[in-house]
Amino acid sequence: AGLLVVACWSGFNIVSRFGTKGLFTPF
């Protein structure tokens, strides 16, 4: 479960950065 959390939170950082570099605003 802890390793899955690491994967989820790391993926969150990457997916969010990908989103803000594309079309999406932070809002």
mmCIF file of all heavy atoms, coordinates in Angstrom:
data_MODEL
# 
_entry.id   MODEL 
# 
loop_
_atom_site.group_PDB 
_atom_site.id 
_atom_site.type_symbol 
_atom_site.label_atom_id 
_atom_site.label_alt_id 
_atom_site.label_comp_id 
_atom_site.label_asym_id 
_atom_site.label_entity_id 
_atom_site.label_seq_id 
_atom_site.pdbx_PDB_ins_code 
_atom_site.Cartn_x 
_atom_site.Cartn_y 
_atom_site.Cartn_z 
_atom_site.occupancy 
_atom_site.B_iso_or_equiv 
_atom_site.pdbx_formal_charge 
_atom_site.auth_seq_id 
_atom_site.auth_comp_id 
_atom_site.auth_asym_id 
_atom_site.auth_atom_id 
_atom_site.pdbx_PDB_model_num 
ATOM 1   N N   . ALA A 1 1  ? 0.832   -1.206 0.000   1.00 0.00 ? 1  ALA A N   1 
ATOM 2   C CA  . ALA A 1 1  ? 0.000   0.000  0.000   1.00 0.00 ? 1  ALA A CA  1 
ATOM 3   C C   . ALA A 1 1  ? 0.864   1.252  0.000   1.00 0.00 ? 1  ALA A C   1 
ATOM 4   O O   . ALA A 1 1  ? 0.582   2.227  -0.715  1.00 0.00 ? 1  ALA A O   1 
ATOM 5   C CB  . ALA A 1 1  ? -0.932  -0.006 1.214   1.00 0.00 ? 1  ALA A CB  1 
ATOM 6   N N   . GLY A 1 2  ? 1.946   1.255  0.790   1.00 0.00 ? 2  GLY A N   1 
ATOM 7   C CA  . GLY A 1 2  ? 2.841   2.406  0.830   1.00 0.00 ? 2  GLY A CA  1 
ATOM 8   C C   . GLY A 1 2  ? 3.501   2.674  -0.510  1.00 0.00 ? 2  GLY A C   1 
ATOM 9   O O   . GLY A 1 2  ? 3.623   3.823  -0.946  1.00 0.00 ? 2  GLY A O   1 
ATOM 10  N N   . LEU A 1 3  ? 3.927   1.600  -1.193  1.00 0.00 ? 3  LEU A N   1 
ATOM 11  C CA  . LEU A 1 3  ? 4.537   1.759  -2.512  1.00 0.00 ? 3  LEU A CA  1 
ATOM 12  C C   . LEU A 1 3  ? 3.524   2.287  -3.531  1.00 0.00 ? 3  LEU A C   1 
ATOM 13  O O   . LEU A 1 3  ? 3.866   3.084  -4.413  1.00 0.00 ? 3  LEU A O   1 
ATOM 14  C CB  . LEU A 1 3  ? 5.121   0.428  -2.987  1.00 0.00 ? 3  LEU A CB  1 
ATOM 15  C CG  . LEU A 1 3  ? 6.372   -0.043 -2.237  1.00 0.00 ? 3  LEU A CG  1 
ATOM 16  C CD1 . LEU A 1 3  ? 6.770   -1.436 -2.697  1.00 0.00 ? 3  LEU A CD1 1 
ATOM 17  C CD2 . LEU A 1 3  ? 7.533   0.930  -2.447  1.00 0.00 ? 3  LEU A CD2 1 
ATOM 18  N N   . LEU A 1 4  ? 2.274   1.849  -3.402  1.00 0.00 ? 4  LEU A N   1 
ATOM 19  C CA  . LEU A 1 4  ? 1.232   2.357  -4.297  1.00 0.00 ? 4  LEU A CA  1 
ATOM 20  C C   . LEU A 1 4  ? 0.982   3.848  -4.052  1.00 0.00 ? 4  LEU A C   1 
ATOM 21  O O   . LEU A 1 4  ? 0.704   4.599  -4.990  1.00 0.00 ? 4  LEU A O   1 
ATOM 22  C CB  . LEU A 1 4  ? -0.061  1.557  -4.109  1.00 0.00 ? 4  LEU A CB  1 
ATOM 23  C CG  . LEU A 1 4  ? -0.032  0.123  -4.644  1.00 0.00 ? 4  LEU A CG  1 
ATOM 24  C CD1 . LEU A 1 4  ? -1.316  -0.613 -4.263  1.00 0.00 ? 4  LEU A CD1 1 
ATOM 25  C CD2 . LEU A 1 4  ? 0.144   0.112  -6.162  1.00 0.00 ? 4  LEU A CD2 1 
ATOM 26  N N   . VAL A 1 5  ? 1.071   4.269  -2.779  1.00 0.00 ? 5  VAL A N   1 
ATOM 27  C CA  . VAL A 1 5  ? 0.926   5.692  -2.472  1.00 0.00 ? 5  VAL A CA  1 
ATOM 28  C C   . VAL A 1 5  ? 2.052   6.491  -3.129  1.00 0.00 ? 5  VAL A C   1 
ATOM 29  O O   . VAL A 1 5  ? 1.818   7.560  -3.705  1.00 0.00 ? 5  VAL A O   1 
ATOM 30  C CB  . VAL A 1 5  ? 0.916   5.931  -0.955  1.00 0.00 ? 5  VAL A CB  1 
ATOM 31  C CG1 . VAL A 1 5  ? 0.934   7.430  -0.653  1.00 0.00 ? 5  VAL A CG1 1 
ATOM 32  C CG2 . VAL A 1 5  ? -0.314  5.302  -0.315  1.00 0.00 ? 5  VAL A CG2 1 
ATOM 33  N N   . VAL A 1 6  ? 3.269   5.977  -3.038  1.00 0.00 ? 6  VAL A N   1 
ATOM 34  C CA  . VAL A 1 6  ? 4.406   6.641  -3.689  1.00 0.00 ? 6  VAL A CA  1 
ATOM 35  C C   . VAL A 1 6  ? 4.149   6.778  -5.188  1.00 0.00 ? 6  VAL A C   1 
ATOM 36  O O   . VAL A 1 6  ? 4.386   7.837  -5.781  1.00 0.00 ? 6  VAL A O   1 
ATOM 37  C CB  . VAL A 1 6  ? 5.706   5.855  -3.432  1.00 0.00 ? 6  VAL A CB  1 
ATOM 38  C CG1 . VAL A 1 6  ? 6.850   6.414  -4.284  1.00 0.00 ? 6  VAL A CG1 1 
ATOM 39  C CG2 . VAL A 1 6  ? 6.077   5.917  -1.953  1.00 0.00 ? 6  VAL A CG2 1 
ATOM 40  N N   . ALA A 1 7  ? 3.638   5.703  -5.807  1.00 0.00 ? 7  ALA A N   1 
ATOM 41  C CA  . ALA A 1 7  ? 3.340   5.749  -7.240  1.00 0.00 ? 7  ALA A CA  1 
ATOM 42  C C   . ALA A 1 7  ? 2.238   6.761  -7.538  1.00 0.00 ? 7  ALA A C   1 
ATOM 43  O O   . ALA A 1 7  ? 2.330   7.536  -8.502  1.00 0.00 ? 7  ALA A O   1 
ATOM 44  C CB  . ALA A 1 7  ? 2.926   4.358  -7.730  1.00 0.00 ? 7  ALA A CB  1 
ATOM 45  N N   . CYS A 1 8  ? 1.194   6.771  -6.700  1.00 0.00 ? 8  CYS A N   1 
ATOM 46  C CA  . CYS A 1 8  ? 0.068   7.704  -6.911  1.00 0.00 ? 8  CYS A CA  1 
ATOM 47  C C   . CYS A 1 8  ? 0.521   9.147  -6.789  1.00 0.00 ? 8  CYS A C   1 
ATOM 48  O O   . CYS A 1 8  ? 0.193   9.993  -7.638  1.00 0.00 ? 8  CYS A O   1 
ATOM 49  C CB  . CYS A 1 8  ? -1.047  7.418  -5.900  1.00 0.00 ? 8  CYS A CB  1 
ATOM 50  S SG  . CYS A 1 8  ? -1.987  5.900  -6.205  1.00 0.00 ? 8  CYS A SG  1 
ATOM 51  N N   . TRP A 1 9  ? 1.269   9.471  -5.733  1.00 0.00 ? 9  TRP A N   1 
ATOM 52  C CA  . TRP A 1 9  ? 1.682   10.856 -5.506  1.00 0.00 ? 9  TRP A CA  1 
ATOM 53  C C   . TRP A 1 9  ? 2.735   11.307 -6.527  1.00 0.00 ? 9  TRP A C   1 
ATOM 54  O O   . TRP A 1 9  ? 2.739   12.454 -6.947  1.00 0.00 ? 9  TRP A O   1 
ATOM 55  C CB  . TRP A 1 9  ? 2.199   11.029 -4.081  1.00 0.00 ? 9  TRP A CB  1 
ATOM 56  C CG  . TRP A 1 9  ? 1.095   11.124 -3.074  1.00 0.00 ? 9  TRP A CG  1 
ATOM 57  C CD1 . TRP A 1 9  ? -0.199  10.711 -3.244  1.00 0.00 ? 9  TRP A CD1 1 
ATOM 58  C CD2 . TRP A 1 9  ? 1.168   11.673 -1.765  1.00 0.00 ? 9  TRP A CD2 1 
ATOM 59  N NE1 . TRP A 1 9  ? -0.918  10.953 -2.099  1.00 0.00 ? 9  TRP A NE1 1 
ATOM 60  C CE2 . TRP A 1 9  ? -0.105  11.545 -1.178  1.00 0.00 ? 9  TRP A CE2 1 
ATOM 61  C CE3 . TRP A 1 9  ? 2.191   12.235 -1.019  1.00 0.00 ? 9  TRP A CE3 1 
ATOM 62  C CZ2 . TRP A 1 9  ? -0.389  11.967 0.111   1.00 0.00 ? 9  TRP A CZ2 1 
ATOM 63  C CZ3 . TRP A 1 9  ? 1.918   12.668 0.265   1.00 0.00 ? 9  TRP A CZ3 1 
ATOM 64  C CH2 . TRP A 1 9  ? 0.635   12.537 0.830   1.00 0.00 ? 9  TRP A CH2 1 
ATOM 65  N N   . SER A 1 10 ? 3.615   10.391 -6.909  1.00 0.00 ? 10 SER A N   1 
ATOM 66  C CA  . SER A 1 10 ? 4.594   10.747 -7.947  1.00 0.00 ? 10 SER A CA  1 
ATOM 67  C C   . SER A 1 10 ? 3.889   10.974 -9.271  1.00 0.00 ? 10 SER A C   1 
ATOM 68  O O   . SER A 1 10 ? 4.196   11.923 -9.999  1.00 0.00 ? 10 SER A O   1 
ATOM 69  C CB  . SER A 1 10 ? 5.636   9.624  -8.078  1.00 0.00 ? 10 SER A CB  1 
ATOM 70  O OG  . SER A 1 10 ? 6.309   9.411  -6.858  1.00 0.00 ? 10 SER A OG  1 
ATOM 71  N N   . GLY A 1 11 ? 2.939   10.103 -9.592  1.00 0.00 ? 11 GLY A N   1 
ATOM 72  C CA  . GLY A 1 11 ? 2.169   10.271 -10.812 1.00 0.00 ? 11 GLY A CA  1 
ATOM 73  C C   . GLY A 1 11 ? 1.363   11.557 -10.803 1.00 0.00 ? 11 GLY A C   1 
ATOM 74  O O   . GLY A 1 11 ? 1.197   12.213 -11.833 1.00 0.00 ? 11 GLY A O   1 
ATOM 75  N N   . PHE A 1 12 ? 0.860   11.932 -9.628  1.00 0.00 ? 12 PHE A N   1 
ATOM 76  C CA  . PHE A 1 12 ? 0.122   13.192 -9.500  1.00 0.00 ? 12 PHE A CA  1 
ATOM 77  C C   . PHE A 1 12 ? 0.994   14.373 -9.904  1.00 0.00 ? 12 PHE A C   1 
ATOM 78  O O   . PHE A 1 12 ? 0.545   15.277 -10.624 1.00 0.00 ? 12 PHE A O   1 
ATOM 79  C CB  . PHE A 1 12 ? -0.362  13.354 -8.056  1.00 0.00 ? 12 PHE A CB  1 
ATOM 80  C CG  . PHE A 1 12 ? -0.833  14.739 -7.712  1.00 0.00 ? 12 PHE A CG  1 
ATOM 81  C CD1 . PHE A 1 12 ? -2.058  15.199 -8.158  1.00 0.00 ? 12 PHE A CD1 1 
ATOM 82  C CD2 . PHE A 1 12 ? -0.042  15.591 -6.949  1.00 0.00 ? 12 PHE A CD2 1 
ATOM 83  C CE1 . PHE A 1 12 ? -2.496  16.493 -7.851  1.00 0.00 ? 12 PHE A CE1 1 
ATOM 84  C CE2 . PHE A 1 12 ? -0.465  16.866 -6.633  1.00 0.00 ? 12 PHE A CE2 1 
ATOM 85  C CZ  . PHE A 1 12 ? -1.697  17.324 -7.090  1.00 0.00 ? 12 PHE A CZ  1 
ATOM 86  N N   . ASN A 1 13 ? 2.241   14.376 -9.435  1.00 0.00 ? 13 ASN A N   1 
ATOM 87  C CA  . ASN A 1 13 ? 3.148   15.465 -9.794  1.00 0.00 ? 13 ASN A CA  1 
ATOM 88  C C   . ASN A 1 13 ? 3.355   15.535 -11.305 1.00 0.00 ? 13 ASN A C   1 
ATOM 89  O O   . ASN A 1 13 ? 3.365   16.618 -11.904 1.00 0.00 ? 13 ASN A O   1 
ATOM 90  C CB  . ASN A 1 13 ? 4.497   15.285 -9.097  1.00 0.00 ? 13 ASN A CB  1 
ATOM 91  C CG  . ASN A 1 13 ? 4.406   15.466 -7.590  1.00 0.00 ? 13 ASN A CG  1 
ATOM 92  O OD1 . ASN A 1 13 ? 3.507   16.125 -7.085  1.00 0.00 ? 13 ASN A OD1 1 
ATOM 93  N ND2 . ASN A 1 13 ? 5.325   14.855 -6.866  1.00 0.00 ? 13 ASN A ND2 1 
ATOM 94  N N   . ILE A 1 14 ? 3.517   14.374 -11.933 1.00 0.00 ? 14 ILE A N   1 
ATOM 95  C CA  . ILE A 1 14 ? 3.794   14.333 -13.380 1.00 0.00 ? 14 ILE A CA  1 
ATOM 96  C C   . ILE A 1 14 ? 2.549   14.684 -14.186 1.00 0.00 ? 14 ILE A C   1 
ATOM 97  O O   . ILE A 1 14 ? 2.599   15.489 -15.121 1.00 0.00 ? 14 ILE A O   1 
ATOM 98  C CB  . ILE A 1 14 ? 4.324   12.934 -13.767 1.00 0.00 ? 14 ILE A CB  1 
ATOM 99  C CG1 . ILE A 1 14 ? 5.670   12.687 -13.085 1.00 0.00 ? 14 ILE A CG1 1 
ATOM 100 C CG2 . ILE A 1 14 ? 4.460   12.809 -15.274 1.00 0.00 ? 14 ILE A CG2 1 
ATOM 101 C CD1 . ILE A 1 14 ? 6.171   11.263 -13.188 1.00 0.00 ? 14 ILE A CD1 1 
ATOM 102 N N   . VAL A 1 15 ? 1.406   14.070 -13.842 1.00 0.00 ? 15 VAL A N   1 
ATOM 103 C CA  . VAL A 1 15 ? 0.163   14.312 -14.590 1.00 0.00 ? 15 VAL A CA  1 
ATOM 104 C C   . VAL A 1 15 ? -0.274  15.776 -14.451 1.00 0.00 ? 15 VAL A C   1 
ATOM 105 O O   . VAL A 1 15 ? -0.728  16.394 -15.413 1.00 0.00 ? 15 VAL A O   1 
ATOM 106 C CB  . VAL A 1 15 ? -0.949  13.357 -14.109 1.00 0.00 ? 15 VAL A CB  1 
ATOM 107 C CG1 . VAL A 1 15 ? -2.302  13.744 -14.713 1.00 0.00 ? 15 VAL A CG1 1 
ATOM 108 C CG2 . VAL A 1 15 ? -0.611  11.921 -14.489 1.00 0.00 ? 15 VAL A CG2 1 
ATOM 109 N N   . SER A 1 16 ? -0.119  16.343 -13.259 1.00 0.00 ? 16 SER A N   1 
ATOM 110 C CA  . SER A 1 16 ? -0.512  17.739 -13.056 1.00 0.00 ? 16 SER A CA  1 
ATOM 111 C C   . SER A 1 16 ? 0.391   18.688 -13.847 1.00 0.00 ? 16 SER A C   1 
ATOM 112 O O   . SER A 1 16 ? -0.094  19.654 -14.463 1.00 0.00 ? 16 SER A O   1 
ATOM 113 C CB  . SER A 1 16 ? -0.457  18.092 -11.562 1.00 0.00 ? 16 SER A CB  1 
ATOM 114 O OG  . SER A 1 16 ? -1.349  17.296 -10.822 1.00 0.00 ? 16 SER A OG  1 
ATOM 115 N N   . ARG A 1 17 ? 1.675   18.432 -13.840 1.00 0.00 ? 17 ARG A N   1 
ATOM 116 C CA  . ARG A 1 17 ? 2.601   19.257 -14.618 1.00 0.00 ? 17 ARG A CA  1 
ATOM 117 C C   . ARG A 1 17 ? 2.282   19.134 -16.107 1.00 0.00 ? 17 ARG A C   1 
ATOM 118 O O   . ARG A 1 17 ? 2.286   20.131 -16.840 1.00 0.00 ? 17 ARG A O   1 
ATOM 119 C CB  . ARG A 1 17 ? 4.039   18.810 -14.333 1.00 0.00 ? 17 ARG A CB  1 
ATOM 120 C CG  . ARG A 1 17 ? 5.100   19.494 -15.189 1.00 0.00 ? 17 ARG A CG  1 
ATOM 121 C CD  . ARG A 1 17 ? 5.200   20.975 -14.914 1.00 0.00 ? 17 ARG A CD  1 
ATOM 122 N NE  . ARG A 1 17 ? 6.388   21.538 -15.555 1.00 0.00 ? 17 ARG A NE  1 
ATOM 123 C CZ  . ARG A 1 17 ? 6.642   22.827 -15.655 1.00 0.00 ? 17 ARG A CZ  1 
ATOM 124 N NH1 . ARG A 1 17 ? 5.790   23.709 -15.170 1.00 0.00 ? 17 ARG A NH1 1 
ATOM 125 N NH2 . ARG A 1 17 ? 7.745   23.255 -16.243 1.00 0.00 ? 17 ARG A NH2 1 
ATOM 126 N N   . PHE A 1 18 ? 1.966   17.926 -16.557 1.00 0.00 ? 18 PHE A N   1 
ATOM 127 C CA  . PHE A 1 18 ? 1.588   17.705 -17.956 1.00 0.00 ? 18 PHE A CA  1 
ATOM 128 C C   . PHE A 1 18 ? 0.338   18.511 -18.302 1.00 0.00 ? 18 PHE A C   1 
ATOM 129 O O   . PHE A 1 18 ? 0.233   19.120 -19.368 1.00 0.00 ? 18 PHE A O   1 
ATOM 130 C CB  . PHE A 1 18 ? 1.342   16.218 -18.189 1.00 0.00 ? 18 PHE A CB  1 
ATOM 131 C CG  . PHE A 1 18 ? 0.786   15.898 -19.552 1.00 0.00 ? 18 PHE A CG  1 
ATOM 132 C CD1 . PHE A 1 18 ? 1.592   15.916 -20.665 1.00 0.00 ? 18 PHE A CD1 1 
ATOM 133 C CD2 . PHE A 1 18 ? -0.559  15.584 -19.703 1.00 0.00 ? 18 PHE A CD2 1 
ATOM 134 C CE1 . PHE A 1 18 ? 1.073   15.623 -21.926 1.00 0.00 ? 18 PHE A CE1 1 
ATOM 135 C CE2 . PHE A 1 18 ? -1.090  15.292 -20.954 1.00 0.00 ? 18 PHE A CE2 1 
ATOM 136 C CZ  . PHE A 1 18 ? -0.267  15.308 -22.061 1.00 0.00 ? 18 PHE A CZ  1 
ATOM 137 N N   . GLY A 1 19 ? -0.622  18.543 -17.372 1.00 0.00 ? 19 GLY A N   1 
ATOM 138 C CA  . GLY A 1 19 ? -1.858  19.277 -17.614 1.00 0.00 ? 19 GLY A CA  1 
ATOM 139 C C   . GLY A 1 19 ? -1.652  20.767 -17.716 1.00 0.00 ? 19 GLY A C   1 
ATOM 140 O O   . GLY A 1 19 ? -2.215  21.427 -18.595 1.00 0.00 ? 19 GLY A O   1 
ATOM 141 N N   . THR A 1 20 ? -0.829  21.324 -16.831 1.00 0.00 ? 20 THR A N   1 
ATOM 142 C CA  . THR A 1 20 ? -0.625  22.780 -16.847 1.00 0.00 ? 20 THR A CA  1 
ATOM 143 C C   . THR A 1 20 ? 0.278   23.220 -17.994 1.00 0.00 ? 20 THR A C   1 
ATOM 144 O O   . THR A 1 20 ? 0.256   24.390 -18.382 1.00 0.00 ? 20 THR A O   1 
ATOM 145 C CB  . THR A 1 20 ? -0.017  23.268 -15.516 1.00 0.00 ? 20 THR A CB  1 
ATOM 146 O OG1 . THR A 1 20 ? 1.209   22.547 -15.257 1.00 0.00 ? 20 THR A OG1 1 
ATOM 147 C CG2 . THR A 1 20 ? -0.988  23.049 -14.372 1.00 0.00 ? 20 THR A CG2 1 
ATOM 148 N N   . LYS A 1 21 ? 1.075   22.299 -18.552 1.00 0.00 ? 21 LYS A N   1 
ATOM 149 C CA  . LYS A 1 21 ? 1.893   22.644 -19.713 1.00 0.00 ? 21 LYS A CA  1 
ATOM 150 C C   . LYS A 1 21 ? 1.083   22.566 -21.000 1.00 0.00 ? 21 LYS A C   1 
ATOM 151 O O   . LYS A 1 21 ? 1.531   23.009 -22.050 1.00 0.00 ? 21 LYS A O   1 
ATOM 152 C CB  . LYS A 1 21 ? 3.095   21.695 -19.807 1.00 0.00 ? 21 LYS A CB  1 
ATOM 153 C CG  . LYS A 1 21 ? 4.147   21.922 -18.737 1.00 0.00 ? 21 LYS A CG  1 
ATOM 154 C CD  . LYS A 1 21 ? 5.287   20.942 -18.869 1.00 0.00 ? 21 LYS A CD  1 
ATOM 155 C CE  . LYS A 1 21 ? 6.125   21.209 -20.090 1.00 0.00 ? 21 LYS A CE  1 
ATOM 156 N NZ  . LYS A 1 21 ? 7.302   20.304 -20.174 1.00 0.00 ? 21 LYS A NZ  1 
ATOM 157 N N   . GLY A 1 22 ? -0.100  21.972 -20.934 1.00 0.00 ? 22 GLY A N   1 
ATOM 158 C CA  . GLY A 1 22 ? -0.963  21.871 -22.099 1.00 0.00 ? 22 GLY A CA  1 
ATOM 159 C C   . GLY A 1 22 ? -2.032  22.951 -22.104 1.00 0.00 ? 22 GLY A C   1 
ATOM 160 O O   . GLY A 1 22 ? -1.760  24.128 -21.885 1.00 0.00 ? 22 GLY A O   1 
ATOM 161 N N   . LEU A 1 23 ? -3.268  22.532 -22.297 1.00 0.00 ? 23 LEU A N   1 
ATOM 162 C CA  . LEU A 1 23 ? -4.365  23.480 -22.409 1.00 0.00 ? 23 LEU A CA  1 
ATOM 163 C C   . LEU A 1 23 ? -4.896  23.972 -21.077 1.00 0.00 ? 23 LEU A C   1 
ATOM 164 O O   . LEU A 1 23 ? -5.426  25.072 -20.972 1.00 0.00 ? 23 LEU A O   1 
ATOM 165 C CB  . LEU A 1 23 ? -5.527  22.833 -23.190 1.00 0.00 ? 23 LEU A CB  1 
ATOM 166 C CG  . LEU A 1 23 ? -5.338  22.653 -24.695 1.00 0.00 ? 23 LEU A CG  1 
ATOM 167 C CD1 . LEU A 1 23 ? -6.504  21.864 -25.266 1.00 0.00 ? 23 LEU A CD1 1 
ATOM 168 C CD2 . LEU A 1 23 ? -5.237  24.013 -25.376 1.00 0.00 ? 23 LEU A CD2 1 
ATOM 169 N N   . PHE A 1 24 ? -4.780  23.157 -20.035 1.00 0.00 ? 24 PHE A N   1 
ATOM 170 C CA  . PHE A 1 24 ? -5.525  23.420 -18.810 1.00 0.00 ? 24 PHE A CA  1 
ATOM 171 C C   . PHE A 1 24 ? -4.907  24.541 -17.979 1.00 0.00 ? 24 PHE A C   1 
ATOM 172 O O   . PHE A 1 24 ? -3.682  24.666 -17.872 1.00 0.00 ? 24 PHE A O   1 
ATOM 173 C CB  . PHE A 1 24 ? -5.599  22.148 -17.950 1.00 0.00 ? 24 PHE A CB  1 
ATOM 174 C CG  . PHE A 1 24 ? -6.304  21.016 -18.631 1.00 0.00 ? 24 PHE A CG  1 
ATOM 175 C CD1 . PHE A 1 24 ? -5.616  19.865 -18.973 1.00 0.00 ? 24 PHE A CD1 1 
ATOM 176 C CD2 . PHE A 1 24 ? -7.656  21.096 -18.930 1.00 0.00 ? 24 PHE A CD2 1 
ATOM 177 C CE1 . PHE A 1 24 ? -6.256  18.817 -19.599 1.00 0.00 ? 24 PHE A CE1 1 
ATOM 178 C CE2 . PHE A 1 24 ? -8.310  20.050 -19.552 1.00 0.00 ? 24 PHE A CE2 1 
ATOM 179 C CZ  . PHE A 1 24 ? -7.608  18.906 -19.904 1.00 0.00 ? 24 PHE A CZ  1 
ATOM 180 N N   . THR A 1 25 ? -5.782  25.323 -17.367 1.00 0.00 ? 25 THR A N   1 
ATOM 181 C CA  . THR A 1 25 ? -5.352  26.276 -16.346 1.00 0.00 ? 25 THR A CA  1 
ATOM 182 C C   . THR A 1 25 ? -5.329  25.549 -14.997 1.00 0.00 ? 25 THR A C   1 
ATOM 183 O O   . THR A 1 25 ? -5.940  24.475 -14.849 1.00 0.00 ? 25 THR A O   1 
ATOM 184 C CB  . THR A 1 25 ? -6.327  27.455 -16.247 1.00 0.00 ? 25 THR A CB  1 
ATOM 185 O OG1 . THR A 1 25 ? -7.580  26.986 -15.699 1.00 0.00 ? 25 THR A OG1 1 
ATOM 186 C CG2 . THR A 1 25 ? -6.567  28.083 -17.604 1.00 0.00 ? 25 THR A CG2 1 
ATOM 187 N N   . PRO A 1 26 ? -4.632  26.109 -13.997 1.00 0.00 ? 26 PRO A N   1 
ATOM 188 C CA  . PRO A 1 26 ? -4.701  25.501 -12.660 1.00 0.00 ? 26 PRO A CA  1 
ATOM 189 C C   . PRO A 1 26 ? -6.134  25.391 -12.141 1.00 0.00 ? 26 PRO A C   1 
ATOM 190 O O   . PRO A 1 26 ? -6.472  24.443 -11.425 1.00 0.00 ? 26 PRO A O   1 
ATOM 191 C CB  . PRO A 1 26 ? -3.869  26.465 -11.802 1.00 0.00 ? 26 PRO A CB  1 
ATOM 192 C CG  . PRO A 1 26 ? -2.940  27.122 -12.764 1.00 0.00 ? 26 PRO A CG  1 
ATOM 193 C CD  . PRO A 1 26 ? -3.700  27.239 -14.046 1.00 0.00 ? 26 PRO A CD  1 
ATOM 194 N N   . PHE A 1 27 ? -6.983  26.332 -12.529 1.00 0.00 ? 27 PHE A N   1 
ATOM 195 C CA  . PHE A 1 27 ? -8.374  26.306 -12.078 1.00 0.00 ? 27 PHE A CA  1 
ATOM 196 C C   . PHE A 1 27 ? -9.155  25.164 -12.726 1.00 0.00 ? 27 PHE A C   1 
ATOM 197 O O   . PHE A 1 27 ? -10.073 24.614 -12.122 1.00 0.00 ? 27 PHE A O   1 
ATOM 198 C CB  . PHE A 1 27 ? -9.029  27.656 -12.386 1.00 0.00 ? 27 PHE A CB  1 
ATOM 199 C CG  . PHE A 1 27 ? -8.270  28.828 -11.851 1.00 0.00 ? 27 PHE A CG  1 
ATOM 200 C CD1 . PHE A 1 27 ? -7.637  29.715 -12.705 1.00 0.00 ? 27 PHE A CD1 1 
ATOM 201 C CD2 . PHE A 1 27 ? -8.160  29.036 -10.480 1.00 0.00 ? 27 PHE A CD2 1 
ATOM 202 C CE1 . PHE A 1 27 ? -6.917  30.795 -12.210 1.00 0.00 ? 27 PHE A CE1 1 
ATOM 203 C CE2 . PHE A 1 27 ? -7.450  30.117 -9.971  1.00 0.00 ? 27 PHE A CE2 1 
ATOM 204 C CZ  . PHE A 1 27 ? -6.835  30.991 -10.842 1.00 0.00 ? 27 PHE A CZ  1 
# 
